[in-house]
């Protein structure tokens, strides 16, 4: 069995405080695809809409969402959206 994974610590508003962050403020554990899914969740898209946008299956989106929950230590889509806003990934004010 492999080494246990380490996840980023979340601070105020769910913003990551990990020592190991990418230059964009994401925990290094998030894959590029998970970052894409994270951004689309934060805009309010459903799994089906994300799947269509990224040309992947809804099941694959669900897997990415589950991984994001675990890595960011959040429990729902609202927390993911708040985390993305705090990280500066999306604007908190609609156009």
N, C-alpha and C. Protein backbone atom coordinates (compact mmCIF):
# COMPACT_ATOMS: atom_id res chain seq x y z
N UNK A 1 0.84 -1.18 0.00
CA UNK A 1 0.00 0.00 0.00
C UNK A 1 0.88 1.23 0.00
N UNK A 2 0.46 2.31 -0.70
CA UNK A 2 1.25 3.52 -0.84
C UNK A 2 1.21 4.39 0.40
N UNK A 3 1.96 5.48 0.32
CA UNK A 3 2.00 6.43 1.43
C UNK A 3 0.65 7.13 1.55
N UNK A 4 0.25 7.49 2.77
CA UNK A 4 -1.00 8.21 2.93
C UNK A 4 -0.87 9.60 2.29
N UNK A 5 -1.96 10.06 1.70
CA UNK A 5 -1.95 11.37 1.07
C UNK A 5 -2.05 12.46 2.12
N UNK A 6 -1.43 13.59 1.81
CA UNK A 6 -1.54 14.76 2.67
C UNK A 6 -2.42 15.77 1.95
N UNK A 7 -3.29 16.41 2.70
CA UNK A 7 -4.20 17.38 2.12
C UNK A 7 -3.89 18.75 2.69
N UNK A 8 -4.24 19.78 1.91
CA UNK A 8 -4.01 21.16 2.33
C UNK A 8 -4.88 21.50 3.52
N UNK A 9 -4.32 22.30 4.42
CA UNK A 9 -5.10 22.81 5.54
C UNK A 9 -5.93 23.97 5.05
N UNK A 10 -7.15 24.08 5.52
CA UNK A 10 -8.01 25.18 5.11
C UNK A 10 -8.03 26.22 6.21
N UNK A 11 -7.98 27.48 5.83
CA UNK A 11 -8.02 28.57 6.78
C UNK A 11 -9.32 29.32 6.68
N UNK A 12 -9.26 30.62 6.89
CA UNK A 12 -10.43 31.48 6.83
C UNK A 12 -11.13 31.35 5.49
N UNK A 13 -12.43 31.17 5.50
CA UNK A 13 -13.26 31.02 4.29
C UNK A 13 -12.82 29.84 3.44
N UNK A 14 -12.16 28.87 4.02
CA UNK A 14 -11.76 27.69 3.28
C UNK A 14 -10.53 27.90 2.42
N UNK A 15 -9.90 29.08 2.47
CA UNK A 15 -8.71 29.33 1.64
C UNK A 15 -7.57 28.46 2.15
N UNK A 16 -6.85 27.83 1.24
CA UNK A 16 -5.79 26.92 1.66
C UNK A 16 -4.63 27.64 2.33
N UNK A 17 -4.01 26.97 3.29
CA UNK A 17 -2.85 27.52 3.99
C UNK A 17 -1.68 26.55 3.95
N UNK A 18 -1.69 25.64 3.02
CA UNK A 18 -0.65 24.64 2.95
C UNK A 18 0.70 25.25 2.67
N UNK A 19 1.74 24.65 3.23
CA UNK A 19 3.10 25.07 2.93
C UNK A 19 3.44 24.76 1.49
N UNK A 20 2.79 23.73 0.93
CA UNK A 20 3.07 23.30 -0.43
C UNK A 20 1.93 23.71 -1.34
N UNK A 21 1.99 24.95 -1.81
CA UNK A 21 0.97 25.44 -2.73
C UNK A 21 1.62 25.75 -4.06
N UNK A 22 0.84 25.67 -5.10
CA UNK A 22 1.32 26.08 -6.41
C UNK A 22 1.38 27.60 -6.44
N UNK A 23 1.94 28.15 -7.49
CA UNK A 23 2.04 29.60 -7.58
C UNK A 23 0.68 30.26 -7.73
N UNK A 24 -0.37 29.49 -8.03
CA UNK A 24 -1.72 30.03 -8.16
C UNK A 24 -2.51 29.91 -6.87
N UNK A 25 -1.91 29.41 -5.79
CA UNK A 25 -2.60 29.30 -4.52
C UNK A 25 -3.37 28.02 -4.32
N UNK A 26 -3.30 27.09 -5.28
CA UNK A 26 -3.98 25.82 -5.14
C UNK A 26 -3.09 24.84 -4.40
N UNK A 27 -3.69 23.96 -3.61
CA UNK A 27 -2.87 22.90 -3.04
C UNK A 27 -2.23 22.11 -4.17
N UNK A 28 -1.00 21.72 -4.00
CA UNK A 28 -0.31 21.00 -5.05
C UNK A 28 -0.97 19.67 -5.35
N UNK A 29 -1.82 19.17 -4.46
CA UNK A 29 -2.50 17.90 -4.67
C UNK A 29 -3.60 17.94 -5.72
N UNK A 30 -4.11 19.13 -6.07
CA UNK A 30 -5.16 19.21 -7.09
C UNK A 30 -4.54 19.06 -8.47
N UNK A 31 -5.16 18.22 -9.27
CA UNK A 31 -4.69 18.05 -10.65
C UNK A 31 -5.20 19.21 -11.49
N UNK A 32 -4.60 19.43 -12.66
CA UNK A 32 -5.12 20.49 -13.54
C UNK A 32 -6.61 20.30 -13.87
N UNK A 33 -7.04 19.07 -14.09
CA UNK A 33 -8.45 18.81 -14.40
C UNK A 33 -9.33 19.12 -13.20
N UNK A 34 -8.88 18.77 -12.00
CA UNK A 34 -9.65 19.09 -10.79
C UNK A 34 -9.78 20.60 -10.63
N UNK A 35 -8.74 21.34 -11.00
CA UNK A 35 -8.81 22.81 -10.94
C UNK A 35 -9.85 23.34 -11.91
N UNK A 36 -9.92 22.74 -13.10
CA UNK A 36 -10.94 23.14 -14.08
C UNK A 36 -12.34 22.86 -13.53
N UNK A 37 -12.53 21.66 -12.98
CA UNK A 37 -13.83 21.29 -12.42
C UNK A 37 -14.18 22.21 -11.26
N UNK A 38 -13.22 22.51 -10.41
CA UNK A 38 -13.42 23.41 -9.29
C UNK A 38 -13.93 24.77 -9.77
N UNK A 39 -13.30 25.31 -10.80
CA UNK A 39 -13.71 26.61 -11.32
C UNK A 39 -15.13 26.56 -11.87
N UNK A 40 -15.48 25.49 -12.55
CA UNK A 40 -16.82 25.37 -13.12
C UNK A 40 -17.88 25.16 -12.05
N UNK A 41 -17.56 24.42 -11.01
CA UNK A 41 -18.49 24.27 -9.88
C UNK A 41 -18.77 25.64 -9.28
N UNK A 42 -17.72 26.44 -9.14
CA UNK A 42 -17.87 27.75 -8.51
C UNK A 42 -18.74 28.70 -9.33
N UNK A 43 -18.89 28.42 -10.63
CA UNK A 43 -19.78 29.24 -11.46
C UNK A 43 -21.22 28.76 -11.39
N UNK A 44 -21.45 27.66 -10.68
CA UNK A 44 -22.80 27.14 -10.50
C UNK A 44 -23.20 26.04 -11.45
N UNK A 45 -22.25 25.51 -12.21
CA UNK A 45 -22.59 24.45 -13.17
C UNK A 45 -22.86 23.13 -12.45
N UNK A 46 -23.76 22.34 -13.03
CA UNK A 46 -24.04 21.00 -12.53
C UNK A 46 -22.98 20.04 -13.07
N UNK A 47 -22.95 18.83 -12.53
CA UNK A 47 -22.02 17.82 -13.04
C UNK A 47 -22.26 17.55 -14.52
N UNK A 48 -23.52 17.47 -14.93
CA UNK A 48 -23.84 17.21 -16.33
C UNK A 48 -23.33 18.34 -17.23
N UNK A 49 -23.50 19.58 -16.77
CA UNK A 49 -23.02 20.72 -17.55
C UNK A 49 -21.50 20.74 -17.64
N UNK A 50 -20.85 20.41 -16.53
CA UNK A 50 -19.39 20.35 -16.52
C UNK A 50 -18.90 19.27 -17.47
N UNK A 51 -19.56 18.11 -17.44
CA UNK A 51 -19.19 17.01 -18.33
C UNK A 51 -19.28 17.44 -19.79
N UNK A 52 -20.35 18.12 -20.13
CA UNK A 52 -20.53 18.58 -21.51
C UNK A 52 -19.46 19.61 -21.87
N UNK A 53 -19.18 20.52 -20.97
CA UNK A 53 -18.19 21.58 -21.21
C UNK A 53 -16.79 21.01 -21.43
N UNK A 54 -16.43 19.98 -20.63
CA UNK A 54 -15.07 19.43 -20.67
C UNK A 54 -14.95 18.18 -21.54
N UNK A 55 -16.07 17.76 -22.15
CA UNK A 55 -16.07 16.57 -23.01
C UNK A 55 -15.62 15.32 -22.26
N UNK A 56 -16.16 15.15 -21.04
CA UNK A 56 -15.91 13.96 -20.23
C UNK A 56 -17.26 13.45 -19.74
N UNK A 57 -17.28 12.24 -19.19
CA UNK A 57 -18.55 11.68 -18.72
C UNK A 57 -18.95 12.28 -17.38
N UNK A 58 -20.26 12.30 -17.08
CA UNK A 58 -20.71 12.77 -15.77
C UNK A 58 -20.09 11.96 -14.63
N UNK A 59 -19.85 10.67 -14.86
CA UNK A 59 -19.23 9.84 -13.83
C UNK A 59 -17.81 10.33 -13.53
N UNK A 60 -17.08 10.70 -14.56
CA UNK A 60 -15.72 11.23 -14.37
C UNK A 60 -15.77 12.54 -13.60
N UNK A 61 -16.74 13.39 -13.91
CA UNK A 61 -16.90 14.64 -13.17
C UNK A 61 -17.15 14.33 -11.69
N UNK A 62 -18.03 13.36 -11.44
CA UNK A 62 -18.34 12.99 -10.05
C UNK A 62 -17.08 12.54 -9.32
N UNK A 63 -16.23 11.78 -10.00
CA UNK A 63 -14.96 11.35 -9.39
C UNK A 63 -14.08 12.55 -9.06
N UNK A 64 -13.99 13.50 -9.99
CA UNK A 64 -13.19 14.71 -9.74
C UNK A 64 -13.75 15.49 -8.56
N UNK A 65 -15.07 15.63 -8.50
CA UNK A 65 -15.71 16.36 -7.40
C UNK A 65 -15.41 15.68 -6.06
N UNK A 66 -15.51 14.38 -6.03
CA UNK A 66 -15.19 13.64 -4.80
C UNK A 66 -13.75 13.89 -4.38
N UNK A 67 -12.83 13.86 -5.33
CA UNK A 67 -11.42 14.13 -5.02
C UNK A 67 -11.22 15.55 -4.50
N UNK A 68 -11.93 16.50 -5.09
CA UNK A 68 -11.83 17.89 -4.64
C UNK A 68 -12.33 18.01 -3.20
N UNK A 69 -13.47 17.37 -2.89
CA UNK A 69 -13.99 17.39 -1.52
C UNK A 69 -12.92 16.92 -0.55
N UNK A 70 -12.29 15.80 -0.87
CA UNK A 70 -11.29 15.22 0.02
C UNK A 70 -10.06 16.11 0.16
N UNK A 71 -9.58 16.62 -0.95
CA UNK A 71 -8.35 17.41 -0.94
C UNK A 71 -8.52 18.77 -0.28
N UNK A 72 -9.69 19.38 -0.44
CA UNK A 72 -9.93 20.68 0.17
C UNK A 72 -10.58 20.57 1.54
N UNK A 73 -10.92 19.34 1.92
CA UNK A 73 -11.58 19.07 3.19
C UNK A 73 -12.87 19.88 3.33
N UNK A 74 -13.69 19.79 2.28
CA UNK A 74 -15.00 20.43 2.30
C UNK A 74 -16.06 19.36 2.13
N UNK A 75 -17.31 19.72 2.42
CA UNK A 75 -18.37 18.73 2.42
C UNK A 75 -19.46 18.96 1.38
N UNK A 76 -19.47 20.12 0.74
CA UNK A 76 -20.51 20.35 -0.27
C UNK A 76 -20.05 21.36 -1.32
N UNK A 77 -20.86 21.50 -2.35
CA UNK A 77 -20.52 22.36 -3.49
C UNK A 77 -20.44 23.83 -3.09
N UNK A 78 -21.25 24.24 -2.12
CA UNK A 78 -21.20 25.62 -1.67
C UNK A 78 -19.84 25.94 -1.07
N UNK A 79 -19.30 25.02 -0.28
CA UNK A 79 -17.98 25.23 0.31
C UNK A 79 -16.90 25.26 -0.77
N UNK A 80 -17.07 24.45 -1.81
CA UNK A 80 -16.12 24.48 -2.93
C UNK A 80 -16.17 25.86 -3.59
N UNK A 81 -17.37 26.38 -3.82
CA UNK A 81 -17.51 27.68 -4.46
C UNK A 81 -16.90 28.78 -3.60
N UNK A 82 -17.15 28.74 -2.30
CA UNK A 82 -16.57 29.74 -1.40
C UNK A 82 -15.06 29.65 -1.38
N UNK A 83 -14.52 28.43 -1.41
CA UNK A 83 -13.08 28.25 -1.44
C UNK A 83 -12.51 28.86 -2.71
N UNK A 84 -13.16 28.60 -3.84
CA UNK A 84 -12.67 29.12 -5.13
C UNK A 84 -12.70 30.64 -5.15
N UNK A 85 -13.73 31.24 -4.56
CA UNK A 85 -13.81 32.71 -4.50
C UNK A 85 -12.69 33.25 -3.61
N UNK A 86 -12.50 32.63 -2.44
CA UNK A 86 -11.44 33.08 -1.53
C UNK A 86 -10.05 32.94 -2.15
N UNK A 87 -9.89 31.93 -3.00
CA UNK A 87 -8.60 31.70 -3.65
C UNK A 87 -8.41 32.61 -4.87
N UNK A 88 -9.46 33.39 -5.21
CA UNK A 88 -9.37 34.30 -6.35
C UNK A 88 -9.59 33.63 -7.69
N UNK A 89 -10.13 32.42 -7.66
CA UNK A 89 -10.35 31.68 -8.90
C UNK A 89 -11.52 32.25 -9.69
N UNK A 90 -12.55 32.72 -8.99
CA UNK A 90 -13.71 33.31 -9.63
C UNK A 90 -14.11 34.56 -8.86
N UNK A 91 -14.85 35.41 -9.51
CA UNK A 91 -15.37 36.62 -8.87
C UNK A 91 -16.56 36.26 -8.01
N UNK A 92 -16.71 36.93 -6.88
CA UNK A 92 -17.86 36.67 -6.02
C UNK A 92 -19.08 37.48 -6.43
N UNK A 93 -18.93 38.36 -7.41
CA UNK A 93 -20.05 39.16 -7.89
C UNK A 93 -20.36 38.82 -9.34
N UNK A 94 -21.58 38.40 -9.64
CA UNK A 94 -21.93 38.09 -11.04
C UNK A 94 -21.92 39.36 -11.88
N UNK A 95 -21.69 39.18 -13.18
CA UNK A 95 -21.67 40.33 -14.11
C UNK A 95 -23.04 40.91 -14.31
